[in-house]
Amino acid sequence: MASLLLVCTANICRSPMAEAIFKARAGQLFQTVRSAGVHADPRGGPVDARAAAALSRHDYALERRWRTHRVQAEELARYDLVLAMEADHVAALREQAPQLQDRIRLLLDFVPELAGQDVPDPYFSPAQGFDAVIKLIERAAQGVQSAARDGALHLA
């Protein structure tokens, strides 16, 4: 089975929410689902409490011991698919691992009408902003499943 890495800026809001959602909704595609941030605190920290609350409202959860993680160039090769929340993240990751260009994609490219768009960062938003991001990630998870089923996405 394939492995998936989900990436945002600090690994405290979007990518941990995506990790929980993809584990719940696309776990049959991926043996491993992890998240990381391009600028995450290297010491590791907790998920943003508002992100955790939003996940709970939508019946998702992260593992109890979950901690933030900064993505490292050498680990990117371990993943069959790397999905980033923003085009800037895609560019930074592709710069770190130019040989993996085709594995590093923008998450919303799997939602045809939102292709090329960034997942908005809810950090400065009220609870509704976190809920809206969850809905976007759910749509992307469905899109990844459809792409894999239809043969448009080739996973190991």
C-alpha atoms as a PDB file:
ATOM      1  CA  MET A   1       0.000   0.000   0.000  1.00  0.00           C
ATOM      2  CA  ALA A   2       1.016   3.584  -0.604  1.00  0.00           C
ATOM      3  CA  SER A   3       2.197   6.271   1.779  1.00  0.00           C
ATOM      4  CA  LEU A   4       0.978   9.874   1.985  1.00  0.00           C
ATOM      5  CA  LEU A   5       2.497  13.019   3.485  1.00  0.00           C
ATOM      6  CA  LEU A   6       0.325  16.119   3.933  1.00  0.00           C
ATOM      7  CA  VAL A   7       2.158  19.430   4.291  1.00  0.00           C
ATOM      8  CA  CYS A   8       1.262  22.938   5.443  1.00  0.00           C
ATOM      9  CA  THR A   9       3.239  25.793   6.982  1.00  0.00           C
ATOM     10  CA  ALA A  10       3.595  25.050  10.697  1.00  0.00           C
ATOM     11  CA  ASN A  11       1.863  21.657  10.956  1.00  0.00           C
ATOM     12  CA  ILE A  12      -0.573  22.927  13.573  1.00  0.00           C
ATOM     13  CA  CYS A  13      -3.831  23.459  11.640  1.00  0.00           C
ATOM     14  CA  ARG A  14      -4.336  22.353   8.036  1.00  0.00           C
ATOM     15  CA  SER A  15      -2.012  19.378   7.634  1.00  0.00           C
ATOM     16  CA  PRO A  16      -2.934  17.727  10.954  1.00  0.00           C
ATOM     17  CA  MET A  17      -6.611  18.144  10.058  1.00  0.00           C
ATOM     18  CA  ALA A  18      -5.854  16.601   6.660  1.00  0.00           C
ATOM     19  CA  GLU A  19      -3.990  13.735   8.343  1.00  0.00           C
ATOM     20  CA  ALA A  20      -7.010  12.863  10.476  1.00  0.00           C
ATOM     21  CA  ILE A  21      -9.423  13.181   7.548  1.00  0.00           C
ATOM     22  CA  PHE A  22      -7.333  11.120   5.128  1.00  0.00           C
ATOM     23  CA  LYS A  23      -6.824   8.391   7.733  1.00  0.00           C
ATOM     24  CA  ALA A  24     -10.589   8.198   8.204  1.00  0.00           C
ATOM     25  CA  ARG A  25     -11.682   8.634   4.587  1.00  0.00           C
ATOM     26  CA  ALA A  26      -8.857   7.263   2.443  1.00  0.00           C
ATOM     27  CA  GLY A  27      -7.153   4.821   4.777  1.00  0.00           C
ATOM     28  CA  GLN A  28      -7.776   1.949   2.365  1.00  0.00           C
ATOM     29  CA  LEU A  29      -5.438   3.661  -0.146  1.00  0.00           C
ATOM     30  CA  PHE A  30      -2.611   4.516   2.226  1.00  0.00           C
ATOM     31  CA  GLN A  31      -0.761   2.328   4.689  1.00  0.00           C
ATOM     32  CA  THR A  32       0.902   5.436   6.118  1.00  0.00           C
ATOM     33  CA  VAL A  33      -0.620   8.913   6.438  1.00  0.00           C
ATOM     34  CA  ARG A  34       1.480  11.589   8.134  1.00  0.00           C
ATOM     35  CA  SER A  35       1.629  15.352   8.213  1.00  0.00           C
ATOM     36  CA  ALA A  36       4.418  17.891   8.458  1.00  0.00           C
ATOM     37  CA  GLY A  37       5.130  21.579   8.083  1.00  0.00           C
ATOM     38  CA  VAL A  38       7.717  23.402   6.020  1.00  0.00           C
ATOM     39  CA  HIS A  39       8.313  25.735   8.980  1.00  0.00           C
ATOM     40  CA  ALA A  40       7.132  23.566  11.894  1.00  0.00           C
ATOM     41  CA  ASP A  41       8.772  23.894  15.287  1.00  0.00           C
ATOM     42  CA  PRO A  42      11.549  21.273  15.212  1.00  0.00           C
ATOM     43  CA  ARG A  43      10.967  20.521  18.914  1.00  0.00           C
ATOM     44  CA  GLY A  44       7.442  19.314  18.191  1.00  0.00           C
ATOM     45  CA  GLY A  45       4.310  20.800  19.650  1.00  0.00           C
ATOM     46  CA  PRO A  46       0.589  20.136  19.885  1.00  0.00           C
ATOM     47  CA  VAL A  47      -2.040  20.676  17.240  1.00  0.00           C
ATOM     48  CA  ASP A  48      -3.836  24.031  17.472  1.00  0.00           C
ATOM     49  CA  ALA A  49      -6.698  23.604  19.948  1.00  0.00           C
ATOM     50  CA  ARG A  50      -9.179  25.114  17.479  1.00  0.00           C
ATOM     51  CA  ALA A  51      -8.151  22.574  14.825  1.00  0.00           C
ATOM     52  CA  ALA A  52      -8.606  19.744  17.332  1.00  0.00           C
ATOM     53  CA  ALA A  53     -12.030  21.123  18.288  1.00  0.00           C
ATOM     54  CA  ALA A  54     -13.066  21.349  14.631  1.00  0.00           C
ATOM     55  CA  LEU A  55     -11.947  17.768  14.032  1.00  0.00           C
ATOM     56  CA  SER A  56     -13.983  16.661  17.025  1.00  0.00           C
ATOM     57  CA  ARG A  57     -17.074  18.521  15.767  1.00  0.00           C
ATOM     58  CA  HIS A  58     -16.777  16.540  12.533  1.00  0.00           C
ATOM     59  CA  ASP A  59     -16.071  13.196  14.258  1.00  0.00           C
ATOM     60  CA  TYR A  60     -12.356  13.022  13.427  1.00  0.00           C
ATOM     61  CA  ALA A  61      -9.432  12.737  15.812  1.00  0.00           C
ATOM     62  CA  LEU A  62      -5.656  12.691  15.856  1.00  0.00           C
ATOM     63  CA  GLU A  63      -3.622  10.171  17.787  1.00  0.00           C
ATOM     64  CA  ARG A  64      -3.193  11.166  21.413  1.00  0.00           C
ATOM     65  CA  ARG A  65       0.609  11.411  21.114  1.00  0.00           C
ATOM     66  CA  TRP A  66       0.509  13.480  17.893  1.00  0.00           C
ATOM     67  CA  ARG A  67       3.212  16.209  17.680  1.00  0.00           C
ATOM     68  CA  THR A  68       4.200  18.711  15.012  1.00  0.00           C
ATOM     69  CA  HIS A  69       6.937  17.700  12.607  1.00  0.00           C
ATOM     70  CA  ARG A  70       9.150  19.719  10.257  1.00  0.00           C
ATOM     71  CA  VAL A  71       9.507  18.075   6.866  1.00  0.00           C
ATOM     72  CA  GLN A  72      13.044  17.060   5.934  1.00  0.00           C
ATOM     73  CA  ALA A  73      14.255  16.680   2.350  1.00  0.00           C
ATOM     74  CA  GLU A  74      15.584  13.173   2.964  1.00  0.00           C
ATOM     75  CA  GLU A  75      12.219  11.864   4.160  1.00  0.00           C
ATOM     76  CA  LEU A  76      10.276  12.951   1.071  1.00  0.00           C
ATOM     77  CA  ALA A  77      11.463   9.920  -0.918  1.00  0.00           C
ATOM     78  CA  ARG A  78       9.696   7.630   1.584  1.00  0.00           C
ATOM     79  CA  TYR A  79       6.287   8.879   0.437  1.00  0.00           C
ATOM     80  CA  ASP A  80       4.451   7.845  -2.701  1.00  0.00           C
ATOM     81  CA  LEU A  81       2.416  11.054  -2.648  1.00  0.00           C
ATOM     82  CA  VAL A  82       3.053  14.415  -0.984  1.00  0.00           C
ATOM     83  CA  LEU A  83       0.092  16.806  -0.918  1.00  0.00           C
ATOM     84  CA  ALA A  84       0.690  20.428   0.027  1.00  0.00           C
ATOM     85  CA  MET A  85      -1.837  23.032   1.117  1.00  0.00           C
ATOM     86  CA  GLU A  86      -0.307  25.943  -0.837  1.00  0.00           C
ATOM     87  CA  ALA A  87       1.548  26.460  -4.104  1.00  0.00           C
ATOM     88  CA  ASP A  88       4.412  27.974  -2.072  1.00  0.00           C
ATOM     89  CA  HIS A  89       4.686  24.706  -0.146  1.00  0.00           C
ATOM     90  CA  VAL A  90       4.799  22.731  -3.399  1.00  0.00           C
ATOM     91  CA  ALA A  91       7.610  24.971  -4.672  1.00  0.00           C
ATOM     92  CA  ALA A  92       9.595  24.651  -1.428  1.00  0.00           C
ATOM     93  CA  LEU A  93       9.226  20.861  -1.373  1.00  0.00           C
ATOM     94  CA  ARG A  94      10.156  20.489  -5.037  1.00  0.00           C
ATOM     95  CA  GLU A  95      13.225  22.615  -4.398  1.00  0.00           C
ATOM     96  CA  GLN A  96      14.214  20.272  -1.555  1.00  0.00           C
ATOM     97  CA  ALA A  97      13.629  17.161  -3.665  1.00  0.00           C
ATOM     98  CA  PRO A  98      13.763  18.012  -7.383  1.00  0.00           C
ATOM     99  CA  GLN A  99      13.861  14.321  -8.324  1.00  0.00           C
ATOM    100  CA  LEU A 100      10.374  13.868  -6.815  1.00  0.00           C
ATOM    101  CA  GLN A 101       8.536  16.575  -8.811  1.00  0.00           C
ATOM    102  CA  ASP A 102       5.739  14.243  -9.898  1.00  0.00           C
ATOM    103  CA  ARG A 103       5.010  13.002  -6.353  1.00  0.00           C
ATOM    104  CA  ILE A 104       4.564  16.499  -4.879  1.00  0.00           C
ATOM    105  CA  ARG A 105       1.149  17.965  -5.661  1.00  0.00           C
ATOM    106  CA  LEU A 106      -1.238  20.666  -4.534  1.00  0.00           C
ATOM    107  CA  LEU A 107      -4.071  19.183  -2.453  1.00  0.00           C
ATOM    108  CA  LEU A 108      -6.882  21.083  -4.145  1.00  0.00           C
ATOM    109  CA  ASP A 109      -5.755  19.893  -7.578  1.00  0.00           C
ATOM    110  CA  PHE A 110      -7.880  16.859  -6.694  1.00  0.00           C
ATOM    111  CA  VAL A 111     -11.006  19.054  -6.620  1.00  0.00           C
ATOM    112  CA  PRO A 112     -11.384  19.981 -10.309  1.00  0.00           C
ATOM    113  CA  GLU A 113     -13.222  23.269  -9.805  1.00  0.00           C
ATOM    114  CA  LEU A 114     -10.612  24.359  -7.211  1.00  0.00           C
ATOM    115  CA  ALA A 115      -7.479  23.127  -9.018  1.00  0.00           C
ATOM    116  CA  GLY A 116      -4.542  25.480  -8.576  1.00  0.00           C
ATOM    117  CA  GLN A 117      -5.986  27.068  -5.442  1.00  0.00           C
ATOM    118  CA  ASP A 118      -4.514  27.042  -1.951  1.00  0.00           C
ATOM    119  CA  VAL A 119      -6.308  25.686   1.104  1.00  0.00           C
ATOM    120  CA  PRO A 120      -6.833  28.848   3.179  1.00  0.00           C
ATOM    121  CA  ASP A 121      -4.998  29.005   6.488  1.00  0.00           C
ATOM    122  CA  PRO A 122      -7.649  29.183   9.236  1.00  0.00           C
ATOM    123  CA  TYR A 123      -5.174  30.282  11.929  1.00  0.00           C
ATOM    124  CA  PHE A 124      -6.598  33.815  12.190  1.00  0.00           C
ATOM    125  CA  SER A 125     -10.188  32.677  11.591  1.00  0.00           C
ATOM    126  CA  PRO A 126     -13.084  31.900  13.908  1.00  0.00           C
ATOM    127  CA  ALA A 127     -14.338  28.330  14.267  1.00  0.00           C
ATOM    128  CA  GLN A 128     -16.225  28.557  10.971  1.00  0.00           C
ATOM    129  CA  GLY A 129     -12.915  28.986   9.127  1.00  0.00           C
ATOM    130  CA  PHE A 130     -11.677  25.673  10.511  1.00  0.00           C
ATOM    131  CA  ASP A 131     -14.965  23.992   9.568  1.00  0.00           C
ATOM    132  CA  ALA A 132     -14.677  25.347   6.008  1.00  0.00           C
ATOM    133  CA  VAL A 133     -11.143  23.959   5.712  1.00  0.00           C
ATOM    134  CA  ILE A 134     -12.359  20.550   6.876  1.00  0.00           C
ATOM    135  CA  LYS A 135     -14.989  20.575   4.123  1.00  0.00           C
ATOM    136  CA  LEU A 136     -12.324  21.426   1.507  1.00  0.00           C
ATOM    137  CA  ILE A 137     -10.049  18.641   2.738  1.00  0.00           C
ATOM    138  CA  GLU A 138     -12.941  16.161   2.692  1.00  0.00           C
ATOM    139  CA  ARG A 139     -13.603  17.074  -0.946  1.00  0.00           C
ATOM    140  CA  ALA A 140      -9.912  16.624  -1.765  1.00  0.00           C
ATOM    141  CA  ALA A 141      -9.847  13.224  -0.024  1.00  0.00           C
ATOM    142  CA  GLN A 142     -12.791  12.168  -2.160  1.00  0.00           C
ATOM    143  CA  GLY A 143     -10.976  13.473  -5.234  1.00  0.00           C
ATOM    144  CA  VAL A 144      -7.835  11.492  -4.403  1.00  0.00           C
ATOM    145  CA  GLN A 145      -9.929   8.348  -4.004  1.00  0.00           C
ATOM    146  CA  SER A 146     -11.649   8.970  -7.342  1.00  0.00           C
ATOM    147  CA  ALA A 147      -8.341   9.646  -9.114  1.00  0.00           C
ATOM    148  CA  ALA A 148      -6.857   6.419  -7.731  1.00  0.00           C
ATOM    149  CA  ARG A 149      -9.954   4.419  -8.666  1.00  0.00           C
ATOM    150  CA  ASP A 150     -10.081   5.906 -12.183  1.00  0.00           C
ATOM    151  CA  GLY A 151      -6.374   5.305 -12.813  1.00  0.00           C
ATOM    152  CA  ALA A 152      -5.489   9.015 -12.954  1.00  0.00           C
ATOM    153  CA  LEU A 153      -3.358   8.643  -9.821  1.00  0.00           C
ATOM    154  CA  HIS A 154      -0.831   5.834  -9.696  1.00  0.00           C
ATOM    155  CA  LEU A 155       0.160   4.756  -6.195  1.00  0.00           C
ATOM    156  CA  ALA A 156       2.651   2.067  -5.186  1.00  0.00           C
END
